[in-house]
Every structure is written in structure tokens, then in C-alpha cells.
Amino acid sequence: MICDFCGGETRLKKVKRSHWLEHNLDIIEDVDAEVCSECGERYFHAKTLDAIDTLLRRQHLVREKLNVEVINLPQAMAQQ
């Protein structure tokens, strides 16, 4: 496949994906993606994204839990 951004060629790779579903952020590892060899843009097939949604909606094994901060950039900059 050809990258829409730079015209480079993509290759199938396993990647880590940050995925939002129903106000929850999950990090999914070993996801198939087409990755541009020139600019790194990633493309996911709809079937792959649907499979992730299905997995997250049912009981699933959680390997690790992370603590994540949410920061508003304009407010953080104003405090400096």
C-alpha cells in the first residue's frame, strides 16, 4: 500500500496502539498495522479496529495498569 501522506511504501508490522472506547483509554500491544517505511504513518484495517472494540467490551486479561496524567497545555503554560 502507498502512504497517503508522503507516498512511501507501507509494510505490515506489529505495533502498540492507544485505543479509546467508551471513555476508557487502553494500550493494545501486537496490533497488525501497515506502517510507512518513510514517515512512519500507521494504517489499521477496519477489521482489526472492530476486533479491538469487541475484545475491550468483554472480559479480558489486563497485563498491567498504568497511572496517566491529563494536562491542559494552555493552563500549564500560564502557571509558569
PDB file of N, CA and C in Angstrom:
ATOM      1  N   MET A   1       0.856  -1.166   0.000  1.00  0.00           N
ATOM      2  CA  MET A   1       0.000   0.000   0.000  1.00  0.00           C
ATOM      3  C   MET A   1       0.906   1.234   0.000  1.00  0.00           C
ATOM      4  N   ILE A   2       0.388   2.322  -0.539  1.00  0.00           N
ATOM      5  CA  ILE A   2       1.146   3.570  -0.630  1.00  0.00           C
ATOM      6  C   ILE A   2       0.630   4.548   0.427  1.00  0.00           C
ATOM      7  N   CYS A   3       1.539   5.210   1.126  1.00  0.00           N
ATOM      8  CA  CYS A   3       1.186   6.164   2.173  1.00  0.00           C
ATOM      9  C   CYS A   3       0.492   7.390   1.577  1.00  0.00           C
ATOM     10  N   ASP A   4      -0.624   7.775   2.192  1.00  0.00           N
ATOM     11  CA  ASP A   4      -1.372   8.952   1.737  1.00  0.00           C
ATOM     12  C   ASP A   4      -0.632  10.248   2.018  1.00  0.00           C
ATOM     13  N   PHE A   5       0.288  10.246   2.959  1.00  0.00           N
ATOM     14  CA  PHE A   5       0.960  11.480   3.365  1.00  0.00           C
ATOM     15  C   PHE A   5       2.228  11.760   2.574  1.00  0.00           C
ATOM     16  N   CYS A   6       3.069  10.742   2.401  1.00  0.00           N
ATOM     17  CA  CYS A   6       4.363  11.002   1.756  1.00  0.00           C
ATOM     18  C   CYS A   6       4.597  10.188   0.490  1.00  0.00           C
ATOM     19  N   GLY A   7       3.709   9.240   0.200  1.00  0.00           N
ATOM     20  CA  GLY A   7       3.880   8.416  -0.996  1.00  0.00           C
ATOM     21  C   GLY A   7       4.815   7.239  -0.799  1.00  0.00           C
ATOM     22  N   GLY A   8       5.310   7.057   0.426  1.00  0.00           N
ATOM     23  CA  GLY A   8       6.189   5.925   0.716  1.00  0.00           C
ATOM     24  C   GLY A   8       5.420   4.608   0.706  1.00  0.00           C
ATOM     25  N   GLU A   9       6.170   3.520   0.742  1.00  0.00           N
ATOM     26  CA  GLU A   9       5.564   2.196   0.749  1.00  0.00           C
ATOM     27  C   GLU A   9       5.368   1.728   2.194  1.00  0.00           C
ATOM     28  N   THR A  10       4.250   1.050   2.448  1.00  0.00           N
ATOM     29  CA  THR A  10       3.994   0.544   3.795  1.00  0.00           C
ATOM     30  C   THR A  10       4.349  -0.930   3.883  1.00  0.00           C
ATOM     31  N   ARG A  11       4.601  -1.341   5.123  1.00  0.00           N
ATOM     32  CA  ARG A  11       4.885  -2.754   5.411  1.00  0.00           C
ATOM     33  C   ARG A  11       4.055  -3.165   6.603  1.00  0.00           C
ATOM     34  N   LEU A  12       3.639  -4.419   6.628  1.00  0.00           N
ATOM     35  CA  LEU A  12       2.879  -4.956   7.751  1.00  0.00           C
ATOM     36  C   LEU A  12       3.811  -5.129   8.944  1.00  0.00           C
ATOM     37  N   LYS A  13       3.413  -4.540  10.097  1.00  0.00           N
ATOM     38  CA  LYS A  13       4.195  -4.652  11.324  1.00  0.00           C
ATOM     39  C   LYS A  13       3.253  -4.831  12.505  1.00  0.00           C
ATOM     40  N   LYS A  14       3.802  -5.303  13.605  1.00  0.00           N
ATOM     41  CA  LYS A  14       3.090  -5.360  14.877  1.00  0.00           C
ATOM     42  C   LYS A  14       3.436  -4.078  15.630  1.00  0.00           C
ATOM     43  N   VAL A  15       2.410  -3.352  16.101  1.00  0.00           N
ATOM     44  CA  VAL A  15       2.635  -2.088  16.790  1.00  0.00           C
ATOM     45  C   VAL A  15       1.838  -2.031  18.089  1.00  0.00           C
ATOM     46  N   LYS A  16       2.121  -1.016  18.878  1.00  0.00           N
ATOM     47  CA  LYS A  16       1.373  -0.728  20.090  1.00  0.00           C
ATOM     48  C   LYS A  16       0.390   0.392  19.733  1.00  0.00           C
ATOM     49  N   ARG A  17      -0.879   0.239  20.134  1.00  0.00           N
ATOM     50  CA  ARG A  17      -1.907   1.226  19.796  1.00  0.00           C
ATOM     51  C   ARG A  17      -2.613   1.734  21.044  1.00  0.00           C
ATOM     52  N   SER A  18      -2.713   3.049  21.167  1.00  0.00           N
ATOM     53  CA  SER A  18      -3.551   3.675  22.192  1.00  0.00           C
ATOM     54  C   SER A  18      -4.961   3.708  21.627  1.00  0.00           C
ATOM     55  N   HIS A  19      -5.930   3.182  22.358  1.00  0.00           N
ATOM     56  CA  HIS A  19      -7.275   2.997  21.809  1.00  0.00           C
ATOM     57  C   HIS A  19      -8.320   3.472  22.811  1.00  0.00           C
ATOM     58  N   TRP A  20      -9.115   4.458  22.415  1.00  0.00           N
ATOM     59  CA  TRP A  20     -10.210   4.965  23.243  1.00  0.00           C
ATOM     60  C   TRP A  20     -11.492   4.223  22.918  1.00  0.00           C
ATOM     61  N   LEU A  21     -12.216   3.788  23.959  1.00  0.00           N
ATOM     62  CA  LEU A  21     -13.524   3.172  23.782  1.00  0.00           C
ATOM     63  C   LEU A  21     -14.343   3.452  25.032  1.00  0.00           C
ATOM     64  N   GLU A  22     -15.493   4.075  24.848  1.00  0.00           N
ATOM     65  CA  GLU A  22     -16.425   4.365  25.944  1.00  0.00           C
ATOM     66  C   GLU A  22     -15.727   5.046  27.118  1.00  0.00           C
ATOM     67  N   HIS A  23     -15.013   6.117  26.845  1.00  0.00           N
ATOM     68  CA  HIS A  23     -14.328   6.954  27.849  1.00  0.00           C
ATOM     69  C   HIS A  23     -13.196   6.245  28.568  1.00  0.00           C
ATOM     70  N   ASN A  24     -12.714   5.148  28.025  1.00  0.00           N
ATOM     71  CA  ASN A  24     -11.568   4.436  28.588  1.00  0.00           C
ATOM     72  C   ASN A  24     -10.444   4.404  27.561  1.00  0.00           C
ATOM     73  N   LEU A  25      -9.229   4.616  28.049  1.00  0.00           N
ATOM     74  CA  LEU A  25      -8.052   4.522  27.199  1.00  0.00           C
ATOM     75  C   LEU A  25      -7.332   3.223  27.515  1.00  0.00           C
ATOM     76  N   ASP A  26      -7.102   2.428  26.493  1.00  0.00           N
ATOM     77  CA  ASP A  26      -6.373   1.174  26.645  1.00  0.00           C
ATOM     78  C   ASP A  26      -5.180   1.192  25.696  1.00  0.00           C
ATOM     79  N   ILE A  27      -4.131   0.502  26.083  1.00  0.00           N
ATOM     80  CA  ILE A  27      -2.966   0.332  25.221  1.00  0.00           C
ATOM     81  C   ILE A  27      -2.948  -1.131  24.802  1.00  0.00           C
ATOM     82  N   ILE A  28      -3.051  -1.355  23.516  1.00  0.00           N
ATOM     83  CA  ILE A  28      -3.112  -2.704  22.954  1.00  0.00           C
ATOM     84  C   ILE A  28      -1.773  -2.985  22.279  1.00  0.00           C
ATOM     85  N   GLU A  29      -1.159  -4.098  22.619  1.00  0.00           N
ATOM     86  CA  GLU A  29       0.127  -4.469  22.032  1.00  0.00           C
ATOM     87  C   GLU A  29      -0.048  -5.508  20.932  1.00  0.00           C
ATOM     88  N   ASP A  30       0.929  -5.572  20.060  1.00  0.00           N
ATOM     89  CA  ASP A  30       0.987  -6.567  18.978  1.00  0.00           C
ATOM     90  C   ASP A  30      -0.196  -6.462  18.019  1.00  0.00           C
ATOM     91  N   VAL A  31      -0.521  -5.238  17.630  1.00  0.00           N
ATOM     92  CA  VAL A  31      -1.613  -4.983  16.696  1.00  0.00           C
ATOM     93  C   VAL A  31      -1.043  -4.902  15.282  1.00  0.00           C
ATOM     94  N   ASP A  32      -1.680  -5.594  14.335  1.00  0.00           N
ATOM     95  CA  ASP A  32      -1.260  -5.509  12.932  1.00  0.00           C
ATOM     96  C   ASP A  32      -1.572  -4.128  12.371  1.00  0.00           C
ATOM     97  N   ALA A  33      -0.571  -3.524  11.715  1.00  0.00           N
ATOM     98  CA  ALA A  33      -0.756  -2.223  11.076  1.00  0.00           C
ATOM     99  C   ALA A  33       0.129  -2.164   9.836  1.00  0.00           C
ATOM    100  N   GLU A  34      -0.317  -1.395   8.873  1.00  0.00           N
ATOM    101  CA  GLU A  34       0.523  -1.057   7.726  1.00  0.00           C
ATOM    102  C   GLU A  34       1.274   0.205   8.134  1.00  0.00           C
ATOM    103  N   VAL A  35       2.607   0.155   8.155  1.00  0.00           N
ATOM    104  CA  VAL A  35       3.430   1.271   8.616  1.00  0.00           C
ATOM    105  C   VAL A  35       4.295   1.763   7.460  1.00  0.00           C
ATOM    106  N   CYS A  36       4.247   3.073   7.223  1.00  0.00           N
ATOM    107  CA  CYS A  36       5.035   3.661   6.142  1.00  0.00           C
ATOM    108  C   CYS A  36       6.518   3.593   6.489  1.00  0.00           C
ATOM    109  N   SER A  37       7.302   3.094   5.556  1.00  0.00           N
ATOM    110  CA  SER A  37       8.744   2.966   5.782  1.00  0.00           C
ATOM    111  C   SER A  37       9.450   4.315   5.695  1.00  0.00           C
ATOM    112  N   GLU A  38       8.785   5.330   5.142  1.00  0.00           N
ATOM    113  CA  GLU A  38       9.394   6.662   5.013  1.00  0.00           C
ATOM    114  C   GLU A  38       9.047   7.574   6.194  1.00  0.00           C
ATOM    115  N   CYS A  39       7.750   7.752   6.489  1.00  0.00           N
ATOM    116  CA  CYS A  39       7.336   8.738   7.505  1.00  0.00           C
ATOM    117  C   CYS A  39       6.793   8.110   8.784  1.00  0.00           C
ATOM    118  N   GLY A  40       6.535   6.798   8.772  1.00  0.00           N
ATOM    119  CA  GLY A  40       6.060   6.122   9.977  1.00  0.00           C
ATOM    120  C   GLY A  40       4.557   6.172  10.196  1.00  0.00           C
ATOM    121  N   GLU A  41       3.815   6.789   9.285  1.00  0.00           N
ATOM    122  CA  GLU A  41       2.345   6.823   9.416  1.00  0.00           C
ATOM    123  C   GLU A  41       1.823   5.395   9.495  1.00  0.00           C
ATOM    124  N   ARG A  42       0.813   5.192  10.362  1.00  0.00           N
ATOM    125  CA  ARG A  42       0.267   3.852  10.580  1.00  0.00           C
ATOM    126  C   ARG A  42      -1.169   3.781  10.079  1.00  0.00           C
ATOM    127  N   TYR A  43      -1.498   2.673   9.445  1.00  0.00           N
ATOM    128  CA  TYR A  43      -2.845   2.431   8.928  1.00  0.00           C
ATOM    129  C   TYR A  43      -3.354   1.126   9.527  1.00  0.00           C
ATOM    130  N   PHE A  44      -4.588   1.169  10.040  1.00  0.00           N
ATOM    131  CA  PHE A  44      -5.202  -0.012  10.645  1.00  0.00           C
ATOM    132  C   PHE A  44      -6.412  -0.413   9.813  1.00  0.00           C
ATOM    133  N   HIS A  45      -6.541  -1.700   9.541  1.00  0.00           N
ATOM    134  CA  HIS A  45      -7.699  -2.198   8.822  1.00  0.00           C
ATOM    135  C   HIS A  45      -8.923  -2.137   9.737  1.00  0.00           C
ATOM    136  N   ALA A  46     -10.084  -1.873   9.173  1.00  0.00           N
ATOM    137  CA  ALA A  46     -11.329  -1.772   9.948  1.00  0.00           C
ATOM    138  C   ALA A  46     -11.588  -3.055  10.732  1.00  0.00           C
ATOM    139  N   LYS A  47     -11.276  -4.212  10.146  1.00  0.00           N
ATOM    140  CA  LYS A  47     -11.476  -5.487  10.849  1.00  0.00           C
ATOM    141  C   LYS A  47     -10.637  -5.544  12.125  1.00  0.00           C
ATOM    142  N   THR A  48      -9.438  -5.016  12.075  1.00  0.00           N
ATOM    143  CA  THR A  48      -8.559  -5.000  13.245  1.00  0.00           C
ATOM    144  C   THR A  48      -9.139  -4.110  14.335  1.00  0.00           C
ATOM    145  N   LEU A  49      -9.597  -2.914  13.961  1.00  0.00           N
ATOM    146  CA  LEU A  49     -10.177  -1.990  14.945  1.00  0.00           C
ATOM    147  C   LEU A  49     -11.472  -2.544  15.525  1.00  0.00           C
ATOM    148  N   ASP A  50     -12.285  -3.188  14.707  1.00  0.00           N
ATOM    149  CA  ASP A  50     -13.509  -3.827  15.207  1.00  0.00           C
ATOM    150  C   ASP A  50     -13.177  -4.947  16.192  1.00  0.00           C
ATOM    151  N   ALA A  51     -12.130  -5.711  15.896  1.00  0.00           N
ATOM    152  CA  ALA A  51     -11.720  -6.802  16.785  1.00  0.00           C
ATOM    153  C   ALA A  51     -11.254  -6.254  18.136  1.00  0.00           C
ATOM    154  N   ILE A  52     -10.560  -5.120  18.129  1.00  0.00           N
ATOM    155  CA  ILE A  52     -10.131  -4.498  19.382  1.00  0.00           C
ATOM    156  C   ILE A  52     -11.348  -4.051  20.184  1.00  0.00           C
ATOM    157  N   ASP A  53     -12.303  -3.393  19.535  1.00  0.00           N
ATOM    158  CA  ASP A  53     -13.529  -2.966  20.226  1.00  0.00           C
ATOM    159  C   ASP A  53     -14.250  -4.152  20.856  1.00  0.00           C
ATOM    160  N   THR A  54     -14.363  -5.245  20.108  1.00  0.00           N
ATOM    161  CA  THR A  54     -15.035  -6.447  20.612  1.00  0.00           C
ATOM    162  C   THR A  54     -14.299  -7.002  21.828  1.00  0.00           C
ATOM    163  N   LEU A  55     -12.988  -7.075  21.751  1.00  0.00           N
ATOM    164  CA  LEU A  55     -12.182  -7.567  22.863  1.00  0.00           C
ATOM    165  C   LEU A  55     -12.391  -6.711  24.115  1.00  0.00           C
ATOM    166  N   LEU A  56     -12.368  -5.394  23.954  1.00  0.00           N
ATOM    167  CA  LEU A  56     -12.456  -4.498  25.104  1.00  0.00           C
ATOM    168  C   LEU A  56     -13.847  -4.471  25.732  1.00  0.00           C
ATOM    169  N   ARG A  57     -14.867  -4.828  24.981  1.00  0.00           N
ATOM    170  CA  ARG A  57     -16.235  -4.835  25.511  1.00  0.00           C
ATOM    171  C   ARG A  57     -16.533  -6.076  26.356  1.00  0.00           C
ATOM    172  N   ARG A  58     -15.688  -7.081  26.256  1.00  0.00           N
ATOM    173  CA  ARG A  58     -15.923  -8.291  27.049  1.00  0.00           C
ATOM    174  C   ARG A  58     -14.787  -8.453  28.061  1.00  0.00           C
ATOM    175  N   GLN A  59     -14.902  -9.433  28.889  1.00  0.00           N
ATOM    176  CA  GLN A  59     -13.885  -9.735  29.899  1.00  0.00           C
ATOM    177  C   GLN A  59     -12.559 -10.012  29.194  1.00  0.00           C
ATOM    178  N   HIS A  60     -11.477  -9.395  29.649  1.00  0.00           N
ATOM    179  CA  HIS A  60     -10.179  -9.622  29.013  1.00  0.00           C
ATOM    180  C   HIS A  60      -9.056  -9.522  30.054  1.00  0.00           C
ATOM    181  N   LEU A  61      -7.968 -10.156  29.753  1.00  0.00           N
ATOM    182  CA  LEU A  61      -6.808 -10.170  30.619  1.00  0.00           C
ATOM    183  C   LEU A  61      -6.093  -8.823  30.546  1.00  0.00           C
ATOM    184  N   VAL A  62      -5.792  -8.244  31.706  1.00  0.00           N
ATOM    185  CA  VAL A  62      -5.050  -6.987  31.772  1.00  0.00           C
ATOM    186  C   VAL A  62      -3.646  -7.313  32.260  1.00  0.00           C
ATOM    187  N   ARG A  63      -2.654  -7.033  31.431  1.00  0.00           N
ATOM    188  CA  ARG A  63      -1.265  -7.345  31.770  1.00  0.00           C
ATOM    189  C   ARG A  63      -0.691  -6.365  32.776  1.00  0.00           C
ATOM    190  N   GLU A  64      -1.090  -5.088  32.667  1.00  0.00           N
ATOM    191  CA  GLU A  64      -0.516  -4.056  33.525  1.00  0.00           C
ATOM    192  C   GLU A  64      -1.461  -2.862  33.581  1.00  0.00           C
ATOM    193  N   LYS A  65      -1.483  -2.167  34.707  1.00  0.00           N
ATOM    194  CA  LYS A  65      -2.246  -0.924  34.829  1.00  0.00           C
ATOM    195  C   LYS A  65      -1.250   0.216  34.993  1.00  0.00           C
ATOM    196  N   LEU A  66      -1.537   1.333  34.319  1.00  0.00           N
ATOM    197  CA  LEU A  66      -0.661   2.497  34.366  1.00  0.00           C
ATOM    198  C   LEU A  66      -1.401   3.686  34.949  1.00  0.00           C
ATOM    199  N   ASN A  67      -0.683   4.579  35.586  1.00  0.00           N
ATOM    200  CA  ASN A  67      -1.237   5.827  36.070  1.00  0.00           C
ATOM    201  C   ASN A  67      -0.924   6.902  35.027  1.00  0.00           C
ATOM    202  N   VAL A  68      -1.950   7.561  34.501  1.00  0.00           N
ATOM    203  CA  VAL A  68      -1.766   8.539  33.428  1.00  0.00           C
ATOM    204  C   VAL A  68      -2.275   9.895  33.880  1.00  0.00           C
ATOM    205  N   GLU A  69      -1.467  10.936  33.671  1.00  0.00           N
ATOM    206  CA  GLU A  69      -1.887  12.297  33.977  1.00  0.00           C
ATOM    207  C   GLU A  69      -2.479  12.942  32.730  1.00  0.00           C
ATOM    208  N   VAL A  70      -3.512  13.765  32.940  1.00  0.00           N
ATOM    209  CA  VAL A  70      -4.113  14.538  31.855  1.00  0.00           C
ATOM    210  C   VAL A  70      -3.811  16.003  32.151  1.00  0.00           C
ATOM    211  N   ILE A  71      -3.144  16.670  31.228  1.00  0.00           N
ATOM    212  CA  ILE A  71      -2.694  18.043  31.448  1.00  0.00           C
ATOM    213  C   ILE A  71      -3.236  18.932  30.338  1.00  0.00           C
ATOM    214  N   ASN A  72      -3.745  20.093  30.712  1.00  0.00           N
ATOM    215  CA  ASN A  72      -4.210  21.094  29.752  1.00  0.00           C
ATOM    216  C   ASN A  72      -3.034  22.029  29.470  1.00  0.00           C
ATOM    217  N   LEU A  73      -2.528  22.028  28.252  1.00  0.00           N
ATOM    218  CA  LEU A  73      -1.323  22.776  27.912  1.00  0.00           C
ATOM    219  C   LEU A  73      -1.455  24.272  28.169  1.00  0.00           C
ATOM    220  N   PRO A  74      -2.520  24.961  27.701  1.00  0.00           N
ATOM    221  CA  PRO A  74      -2.587  26.400  27.964  1.00  0.00           C
ATOM    222  C   PRO A  74      -2.573  26.744  29.462  1.00  0.00           C
ATOM    223  N   GLN A  75      -3.258  25.955  30.266  1.00  0.00           N
ATOM    224  CA  GLN A  75      -3.253  26.205  31.704  1.00  0.00           C
ATOM    225  C   GLN A  75      -1.887  25.948  32.304  1.00  0.00           C
ATOM    226  N   ALA A  76      -1.224  24.908  31.878  1.00  0.00           N
ATOM    227  CA  ALA A  76       0.111  24.590  32.398  1.00  0.00           C
ATOM    228  C   ALA A  76       1.099  25.676  32.018  1.00  0.00           C
ATOM    229  N   MET A  77       1.008  26.205  30.811  1.00  0.00           N
ATOM    230  CA  MET A  77       1.912  27.256  30.368  1.00  0.00           C
ATOM    231  C   MET A  77       1.668  28.556  31.137  1.00  0.00           C
ATOM    232  N   ALA A  78       0.410  28.845  31.480  1.00  0.00           N
ATOM    233  CA  ALA A  78       0.065  30.063  32.210  1.00  0.00           C
ATOM    234  C   ALA A  78       0.621  30.046  33.625  1.00  0.00           C
ATOM    235  N   GLN A  79       0.822  28.868  34.203  1.00  0.00           N
ATOM    236  CA  GLN A  79       1.318  28.748  35.564  1.00  0.00           C
ATOM    237  C   GLN A  79       2.820  28.964  35.658  1.00  0.00           C
ATOM    238  N   GLN A  80       3.506  28.977  34.529  1.00  0.00           N
ATOM    239  CA  GLN A  80       4.976  29.130  34.553  1.00  0.00           C
ATOM    240  C   GLN A  80       5.389  30.562  34.705  1.00  0.00           C
TER     241      GLN A  80
END
